[in-house]
PDB file of all heavy atoms in Angstrom:
ATOM      1  N   THR A   1       0.842  -1.184   0.000  1.00  0.00           N
ATOM      2  CA  THR A   1       0.000   0.000   0.000  1.00  0.00           C
ATOM      3  C   THR A   1       0.876   1.232   0.000  1.00  0.00           C
ATOM      4  O   THR A   1       1.894   1.271   0.658  1.00  0.00           O
ATOM      5  CB  THR A   1      -0.891   0.017   1.267  1.00  0.00           C
ATOM      6  OG1 THR A   1      -1.758  -1.102   1.189  1.00  0.00           O
ATOM      7  CG2 THR A   1      -1.692   1.275   1.375  1.00  0.00           C
ATOM      8  N   LEU A   2       0.444   2.218  -0.711  1.00  0.00           N
ATOM      9  CA  LEU A   2       1.180   3.472  -0.717  1.00  0.00           C
ATOM     10  C   LEU A   2       0.568   4.386   0.322  1.00  0.00           C
ATOM     11  O   LEU A   2      -0.619   4.681   0.287  1.00  0.00           O
ATOM     12  CB  LEU A   2       1.094   4.108  -2.104  1.00  0.00           C
ATOM     13  CG  LEU A   2       2.026   5.257  -2.373  1.00  0.00           C
ATOM     14  CD1 LEU A   2       3.469   4.777  -2.257  1.00  0.00           C
ATOM     15  CD2 LEU A   2       1.788   5.817  -3.755  1.00  0.00           C
ATOM     16  N   ASN A   3       1.344   4.796   1.284  1.00  0.00           N
ATOM     17  CA  ASN A   3       0.884   5.684   2.326  1.00  0.00           C
ATOM     18  C   ASN A   3       0.918   7.098   1.744  1.00  0.00           C
ATOM     19  O   ASN A   3       1.982   7.652   1.521  1.00  0.00           O
ATOM     20  CB  ASN A   3       1.814   5.528   3.540  1.00  0.00           C
ATOM     21  CG  ASN A   3       1.359   6.316   4.722  1.00  0.00           C
ATOM     22  OD1 ASN A   3       0.691   7.330   4.569  1.00  0.00           O
ATOM     23  ND2 ASN A   3       1.739   5.854   5.898  1.00  0.00           N
ATOM     24  N   SER A   4      -0.233   7.691   1.489  1.00  0.00           N
ATOM     25  CA  SER A   4      -0.299   8.941   0.746  1.00  0.00           C
ATOM     26  C   SER A   4       0.334  10.119   1.480  1.00  0.00           C
ATOM     27  O   SER A   4       0.727  11.078   0.853  1.00  0.00           O
ATOM     28  CB  SER A   4      -1.753   9.273   0.402  1.00  0.00           C
ATOM     29  OG  SER A   4      -2.493   9.418   1.580  1.00  0.00           O
ATOM     30  N   ASN A   5       0.417  10.058   2.800  1.00  0.00           N
ATOM     31  CA  ASN A   5       0.967  11.192   3.541  1.00  0.00           C
ATOM     32  C   ASN A   5       2.470  11.341   3.393  1.00  0.00           C
ATOM     33  O   ASN A   5       3.004  12.417   3.474  1.00  0.00           O
ATOM     34  CB  ASN A   5       0.612  11.091   5.020  1.00  0.00           C
ATOM     35  CG  ASN A   5      -0.845  11.387   5.261  1.00  0.00           C
ATOM     36  OD1 ASN A   5      -1.554  11.794   4.356  1.00  0.00           O
ATOM     37  ND2 ASN A   5      -1.290  11.177   6.475  1.00  0.00           N
ATOM     38  N   ASN A   6       3.200  10.236   3.216  1.00  0.00           N
ATOM     39  CA  ASN A   6       4.651  10.361   3.134  1.00  0.00           C
ATOM     40  C   ASN A   6       5.254   9.545   1.993  1.00  0.00           C
ATOM     41  O   ASN A   6       6.455   9.365   1.943  1.00  0.00           O
ATOM     42  CB  ASN A   6       5.302   9.987   4.469  1.00  0.00           C
ATOM     43  CG  ASN A   6       4.961   8.577   4.880  1.00  0.00           C
ATOM     44  OD1 ASN A   6       4.335   7.830   4.134  1.00  0.00           O
ATOM     45  ND2 ASN A   6       5.388   8.198   6.068  1.00  0.00           N
ATOM     46  N   ASN A   7       4.408   9.071   1.079  1.00  0.00           N
ATOM     47  CA  ASN A   7       4.860   8.322  -0.091  1.00  0.00           C
ATOM     48  C   ASN A   7       5.803   7.181   0.258  1.00  0.00           C
ATOM     49  O   ASN A   7       6.753   6.900  -0.448  1.00  0.00           O
ATOM     50  CB  ASN A   7       5.517   9.254  -1.112  1.00  0.00           C
ATOM     51  CG  ASN A   7       4.515  10.218  -1.705  1.00  0.00           C
ATOM     52  OD1 ASN A   7       3.330   9.903  -1.799  1.00  0.00           O
ATOM     53  ND2 ASN A   7       4.968  11.386  -2.089  1.00  0.00           N
ATOM     54  N   THR A   8       5.560   6.526   1.369  1.00  0.00           N
ATOM     55  CA  THR A   8       6.381   5.408   1.802  1.00  0.00           C
ATOM     56  C   THR A   8       5.621   4.118   1.562  1.00  0.00           C
ATOM     57  O   THR A   8       4.437   4.043   1.802  1.00  0.00           O
ATOM     58  CB  THR A   8       6.712   5.542   3.298  1.00  0.00           C
ATOM     59  OG1 THR A   8       7.384   6.783   3.483  1.00  0.00           O
ATOM     60  CG2 THR A   8       7.613   4.429   3.777  1.00  0.00           C
ATOM     61  N   ARG A   9       6.314   3.088   1.139  1.00  0.00           N
ATOM     62  CA  ARG A   9       5.676   1.799   0.906  1.00  0.00           C
ATOM     63  C   ARG A   9       5.482   1.071   2.240  1.00  0.00           C
ATOM     64  O   ARG A   9       6.380   1.000   3.047  1.00  0.00           O
ATOM     65  CB  ARG A   9       6.523   0.973  -0.038  1.00  0.00           C
ATOM     66  CG  ARG A   9       6.657   1.639  -1.403  1.00  0.00           C
ATOM     67  CD  ARG A   9       7.464   0.825  -2.359  1.00  0.00           C
ATOM     68  NE  ARG A   9       6.741  -0.202  -3.069  1.00  0.00           N
ATOM     69  CZ  ARG A   9       5.760  -0.008  -3.945  1.00  0.00           C
ATOM     70  NH1 ARG A   9       5.332   1.196  -4.179  1.00  0.00           N
ATOM     71  NH2 ARG A   9       5.208  -1.013  -4.589  1.00  0.00           N
ATOM     72  N   VAL A  10       4.276   0.563   2.423  1.00  0.00           N
ATOM     73  CA  VAL A  10       3.938  -0.183   3.628  1.00  0.00           C
ATOM     74  C   VAL A  10       3.337  -1.515   3.193  1.00  0.00           C
ATOM     75  O   VAL A  10       2.291  -1.539   2.564  1.00  0.00           O
ATOM     76  CB  VAL A  10       2.932   0.592   4.514  1.00  0.00           C
ATOM     77  CG1 VAL A  10       2.511  -0.250   5.704  1.00  0.00           C
ATOM     78  CG2 VAL A  10       3.536   1.909   4.970  1.00  0.00           C
ATOM     79  N   ASN A  11       4.012  -2.593   3.497  1.00  0.00           N
ATOM     80  CA  ASN A  11       3.541  -3.927   3.142  1.00  0.00           C
ATOM     81  C   ASN A  11       3.451  -4.753   4.421  1.00  0.00           C
ATOM     82  O   ASN A  11       4.462  -5.207   4.946  1.00  0.00           O
ATOM     83  CB  ASN A  11       4.493  -4.568   2.142  1.00  0.00           C
ATOM     84  CG  ASN A  11       3.988  -5.898   1.628  1.00  0.00           C
ATOM     85  OD1 ASN A  11       3.257  -6.609   2.320  1.00  0.00           O
ATOM     86  ND2 ASN A  11       4.389  -6.247   0.427  1.00  0.00           N
ATOM     87  N   GLN A  12       2.238  -4.959   4.913  1.00  0.00           N
ATOM     88  CA  GLN A  12       2.022  -5.624   6.195  1.00  0.00           C
ATOM     89  C   GLN A  12       2.552  -7.051   6.213  1.00  0.00           C
ATOM     90  O   GLN A  12       2.880  -7.581   7.268  1.00  0.00           O
ATOM     91  CB  GLN A  12       0.543  -5.612   6.561  1.00  0.00           C
ATOM     92  CG  GLN A  12       0.278  -6.159   7.947  1.00  0.00           C
ATOM     93  CD  GLN A  12      -1.191  -6.213   8.292  1.00  0.00           C
ATOM     94  OE1 GLN A  12      -2.036  -5.830   7.503  1.00  0.00           O
ATOM     95  NE2 GLN A  12      -1.491  -6.693   9.472  1.00  0.00           N
ATOM     96  N   ASN A  13       2.687  -7.679   5.064  1.00  0.00           N
ATOM     97  CA  ASN A  13       3.163  -9.063   5.027  1.00  0.00           C
ATOM     98  C   ASN A  13       4.573  -9.213   5.591  1.00  0.00           C
ATOM     99  O   ASN A  13       4.946 -10.293   6.024  1.00  0.00           O
ATOM    100  CB  ASN A  13       3.110  -9.607   3.602  1.00  0.00           C
ATOM    101  CG  ASN A  13       1.682  -9.742   3.121  1.00  0.00           C
ATOM    102  OD1 ASN A  13       0.809 -10.174   3.866  1.00  0.00           O
ATOM    103  ND2 ASN A  13       1.433  -9.340   1.896  1.00  0.00           N
ATOM    104  N   TYR A  14       5.354  -8.149   5.596  1.00  0.00           N
ATOM    105  CA  TYR A  14       6.718  -8.214   6.139  1.00  0.00           C
ATOM    106  C   TYR A  14       6.757  -8.066   7.656  1.00  0.00           C
ATOM    107  O   TYR A  14       7.804  -8.218   8.269  1.00  0.00           O
ATOM    108  CB  TYR A  14       7.608  -7.149   5.505  1.00  0.00           C
ATOM    109  CG  TYR A  14       7.917  -7.424   4.057  1.00  0.00           C
ATOM    110  CD1 TYR A  14       7.458  -6.590   3.055  1.00  0.00           C
ATOM    111  CD2 TYR A  14       8.677  -8.533   3.699  1.00  0.00           C
ATOM    112  CE1 TYR A  14       7.741  -6.849   1.725  1.00  0.00           C
ATOM    113  CE2 TYR A  14       8.967  -8.801   2.378  1.00  0.00           C
ATOM    114  CZ  TYR A  14       8.492  -7.948   1.397  1.00  0.00           C
ATOM    115  OH  TYR A  14       8.779  -8.216   0.088  1.00  0.00           O
ATOM    116  N   LEU A  15       5.626  -7.767   8.268  1.00  0.00           N
ATOM    117  CA  LEU A  15       5.596  -7.516   9.709  1.00  0.00           C
ATOM    118  C   LEU A  15       5.932  -8.761  10.527  1.00  0.00           C
ATOM    119  O   LEU A  15       6.539  -8.666  11.583  1.00  0.00           O
ATOM    120  CB  LEU A  15       4.209  -6.993  10.107  1.00  0.00           C
ATOM    121  CG  LEU A  15       4.038  -6.531  11.539  1.00  0.00           C
ATOM    122  CD1 LEU A  15       4.922  -5.318  11.827  1.00  0.00           C
ATOM    123  CD2 LEU A  15       2.576  -6.178  11.804  1.00  0.00           C
ATOM    124  N   TYR A  16       5.571  -9.946  10.025  1.00  0.00           N
ATOM    125  CA  TYR A  16       5.623 -11.178  10.809  1.00  0.00           C
ATOM    126  C   TYR A  16       7.031 -11.767  10.878  1.00  0.00           C
ATOM    127  O   TYR A  16       7.342 -12.747  10.214  1.00  0.00           O
ATOM    128  CB  TYR A  16       4.632 -12.196  10.240  1.00  0.00           C
ATOM    129  CG  TYR A  16       3.261 -11.601  10.086  1.00  0.00           C
ATOM    130  CD1 TYR A  16       2.741 -11.322   8.837  1.00  0.00           C
ATOM    131  CD2 TYR A  16       2.504 -11.273  11.213  1.00  0.00           C
ATOM    132  CE1 TYR A  16       1.481 -10.757   8.703  1.00  0.00           C
ATOM    133  CE2 TYR A  16       1.252 -10.700  11.080  1.00  0.00           C
ATOM    134  CZ  TYR A  16       0.745 -10.448   9.824  1.00  0.00           C
ATOM    135  OH  TYR A  16      -0.490  -9.878   9.699  1.00  0.00           O
ATOM    136  N   GLN A  17       7.872 -11.159  11.694  1.00  0.00           N
ATOM    137  CA  GLN A  17       9.241 -11.622  11.911  1.00  0.00           C
ATOM    138  C   GLN A  17       9.803 -10.957  13.169  1.00  0.00           C
ATOM    139  O   GLN A  17       9.136 -10.159  13.796  1.00  0.00           O
ATOM    140  CB  GLN A  17      10.114 -11.327  10.698  1.00  0.00           C
ATOM    141  CG  GLN A  17      10.221  -9.857  10.326  1.00  0.00           C
ATOM    142  CD  GLN A  17      11.091  -9.642   9.109  1.00  0.00           C
ATOM    143  OE1 GLN A  17      12.164 -10.220   9.009  1.00  0.00           O
ATOM    144  NE2 GLN A  17      10.623  -8.828   8.167  1.00  0.00           N
ATOM    145  N   HIS A  18      11.049 -11.291  13.509  1.00  0.00           N
ATOM    146  CA  HIS A  18      11.735 -10.709  14.663  1.00  0.00           C
ATOM    147  C   HIS A  18      12.433  -9.430  14.211  1.00  0.00           C
ATOM    148  O   HIS A  18      13.290  -9.460  13.336  1.00  0.00           O
ATOM    149  CB  HIS A  18      12.751 -11.722  15.206  1.00  0.00           C
ATOM    150  CG  HIS A  18      13.474 -11.248  16.435  1.00  0.00           C
ATOM    151  ND1 HIS A  18      14.250 -12.092  17.175  1.00  0.00           N
ATOM    152  CD2 HIS A  18      13.545 -10.051  17.061  1.00  0.00           C
ATOM    153  CE1 HIS A  18      14.780 -11.433  18.187  1.00  0.00           C
ATOM    154  NE2 HIS A  18      14.367 -10.189  18.130  1.00  0.00           N
ATOM    155  N   TRP A  19      12.073  -8.302  14.825  1.00  0.00           N
ATOM    156  CA  TRP A  19      12.645  -6.991  14.515  1.00  0.00           C
ATOM    157  C   TRP A  19      13.538  -6.536  15.662  1.00  0.00           C
ATOM    158  O   TRP A  19      13.165  -6.645  16.821  1.00  0.00           O
ATOM    159  CB  TRP A  19      11.533  -5.967  14.306  1.00  0.00           C
ATOM    160  CG  TRP A  19      10.686  -6.239  13.114  1.00  0.00           C
ATOM    161  CD1 TRP A  19       9.499  -6.929  13.084  1.00  0.00           C
ATOM    162  CD2 TRP A  19      10.949  -5.846  11.773  1.00  0.00           C
ATOM    163  NE1 TRP A  19       9.023  -6.967  11.809  1.00  0.00           N
ATOM    164  CE2 TRP A  19       9.890  -6.317  10.978  1.00  0.00           C
ATOM    165  CE3 TRP A  19      11.981  -5.139  11.153  1.00  0.00           C
ATOM    166  CZ2 TRP A  19       9.820  -6.097   9.608  1.00  0.00           C
ATOM    167  CZ3 TRP A  19      11.919  -4.924   9.789  1.00  0.00           C
ATOM    168  CH2 TRP A  19      10.860  -5.399   9.025  1.00  0.00           C
ATOM    169  N   VAL A  20      14.702  -5.986  15.328  1.00  0.00           N
ATOM    170  CA  VAL A  20      15.672  -5.483  16.303  1.00  0.00           C
ATOM    171  C   VAL A  20      15.804  -3.975  16.098  1.00  0.00           C
ATOM    172  O   VAL A  20      15.980  -3.501  14.969  1.00  0.00           O
ATOM    173  CB  VAL A  20      17.042  -6.174  16.119  1.00  0.00           C
ATOM    174  CG1 VAL A  20      18.072  -5.595  17.071  1.00  0.00           C
ATOM    175  CG2 VAL A  20      16.914  -7.676  16.301  1.00  0.00           C
ATOM    176  N   MET A  21      15.744  -3.204  17.196  1.00  0.00           N
ATOM    177  CA  MET A  21      15.853  -1.750  17.089  1.00  0.00           C
ATOM    178  C   MET A  21      17.230  -1.343  16.592  1.00  0.00           C
ATOM    179  O   MET A  21      18.243  -1.912  16.986  1.00  0.00           O
ATOM    180  CB  MET A  21      15.583  -1.081  18.423  1.00  0.00           C
ATOM    181  CG  MET A  21      15.440   0.428  18.283  1.00  0.00           C
ATOM    182  SD  MET A  21      15.064   1.238  19.829  1.00  0.00           S
ATOM    183  CE  MET A  21      16.715   1.613  20.373  1.00  0.00           C
ATOM    184  N   SER A  22      17.250  -0.332  15.732  1.00  0.00           N
ATOM    185  CA  SER A  22      18.492   0.229  15.217  1.00  0.00           C
ATOM    186  C   SER A  22      18.665   1.624  15.809  1.00  0.00           C
ATOM    187  O   SER A  22      18.151   2.600  15.268  1.00  0.00           O
ATOM    188  CB  SER A  22      18.438   0.305  13.691  1.00  0.00           C
ATOM    189  OG  SER A  22      19.591   0.937  13.197  1.00  0.00           O
ATOM    190  N   PRO A  23      19.404   1.733  16.934  1.00  0.00           N
ATOM    191  CA  PRO A  23      19.514   3.041  17.594  1.00  0.00           C
ATOM    192  C   PRO A  23      20.212   4.093  16.738  1.00  0.00           C
ATOM    193  O   PRO A  23      19.908   5.274  16.851  1.00  0.00           O
ATOM    194  CB  PRO A  23      20.307   2.747  18.866  1.00  0.00           C
ATOM    195  CG  PRO A  23      20.916   1.417  18.682  1.00  0.00           C
ATOM    196  CD  PRO A  23      20.121   0.702  17.642  1.00  0.00           C
ATOM    197  N   SER A  24      21.128   3.681  15.870  1.00  0.00           N
ATOM    198  CA  SER A  24      21.839   4.659  15.042  1.00  0.00           C
ATOM    199  C   SER A  24      20.922   5.294  13.997  1.00  0.00           C
ATOM    200  O   SER A  24      21.193   6.398  13.534  1.00  0.00           O
ATOM    201  CB  SER A  24      23.044   4.005  14.354  1.00  0.00           C
ATOM    202  OG  SER A  24      22.608   2.984  13.478  1.00  0.00           O
ATOM    203  N   GLU A  25      19.834   4.624  13.635  1.00  0.00           N
ATOM    204  CA  GLU A  25      18.906   5.164  12.644  1.00  0.00           C
ATOM    205  C   GLU A  25      17.667   5.789  13.279  1.00  0.00           C
ATOM    206  O   GLU A  25      16.920   6.488  12.609  1.00  0.00           O
ATOM    207  CB  GLU A  25      18.457   4.054  11.690  1.00  0.00           C
ATOM    208  CG  GLU A  25      19.599   3.476  10.876  1.00  0.00           C
ATOM    209  CD  GLU A  25      19.149   2.309  10.034  1.00  0.00           C
ATOM    210  OE1 GLU A  25      18.983   1.211  10.599  1.00  0.00           O
ATOM    211  OE2 GLU A  25      18.954   2.512   8.826  1.00  0.00           O
ATOM    212  N   SER A  26      17.440   5.527  14.542  1.00  0.00           N
ATOM    213  CA  SER A  26      16.269   6.074  15.234  1.00  0.00           C
ATOM    214  C   SER A  26      16.563   7.495  15.677  1.00  0.00           C
ATOM    215  O   SER A  26      17.683   7.815  16.070  1.00  0.00           O
ATOM    216  CB  SER A  26      15.924   5.208  16.446  1.00  0.00           C
ATOM    217  OG  SER A  26      15.589   3.900  16.038  1.00  0.00           O
ATOM    218  N   VAL A  27      15.556   8.347  15.585  1.00  0.00           N
ATOM    219  CA  VAL A  27      15.667   9.734  16.045  1.00  0.00           C
ATOM    220  C   VAL A  27      14.486  10.011  16.952  1.00  0.00           C
ATOM    221  O   VAL A  27      13.570   9.195  17.058  1.00  0.00           O
ATOM    222  CB  VAL A  27      15.696  10.734  14.865  1.00  0.00           C
ATOM    223  CG1 VAL A  27      16.953  10.560  14.041  1.00  0.00           C
ATOM    224  CG2 VAL A  27      14.464  10.600  14.003  1.00  0.00           C
ATOM    225  N   LYS A  28      14.482  11.149  17.591  1.00  0.00           N
ATOM    226  CA  LYS A  28      13.423  11.473  18.551  1.00  0.00           C
ATOM    227  C   LYS A  28      12.035  11.271  17.924  1.00  0.00           C
ATOM    228  O   LYS A  28      11.711  11.876  16.915  1.00  0.00           O
ATOM    229  CB  LYS A  28      13.581  12.911  19.029  1.00  0.00           C
ATOM    230  CG  LYS A  28      12.606  13.275  20.104  1.00  0.00           C
ATOM    231  CD  LYS A  28      12.830  14.666  20.632  1.00  0.00           C
ATOM    232  CE  LYS A  28      11.838  14.946  21.749  1.00  0.00           C
ATOM    233  NZ  LYS A  28      12.020  16.285  22.261  1.00  0.00           N
ATOM    234  N   GLY A  29      11.264  10.402  18.536  1.00  0.00           N
ATOM    235  CA  GLY A  29       9.907  10.160  18.085  1.00  0.00           C
ATOM    236  C   GLY A  29       9.756   9.100  17.005  1.00  0.00           C
ATOM    237  O   GLY A  29       8.663   8.649  16.736  1.00  0.00           O
TER     238      GLY A  29
END
């Protein structure tokens, strides 16, 4: 799905896995 507010691709099928936080890429909020 194309998220119209920020033109970013969002595909829920990729959600089902183990995700690890990336502190170097995360910013406030």
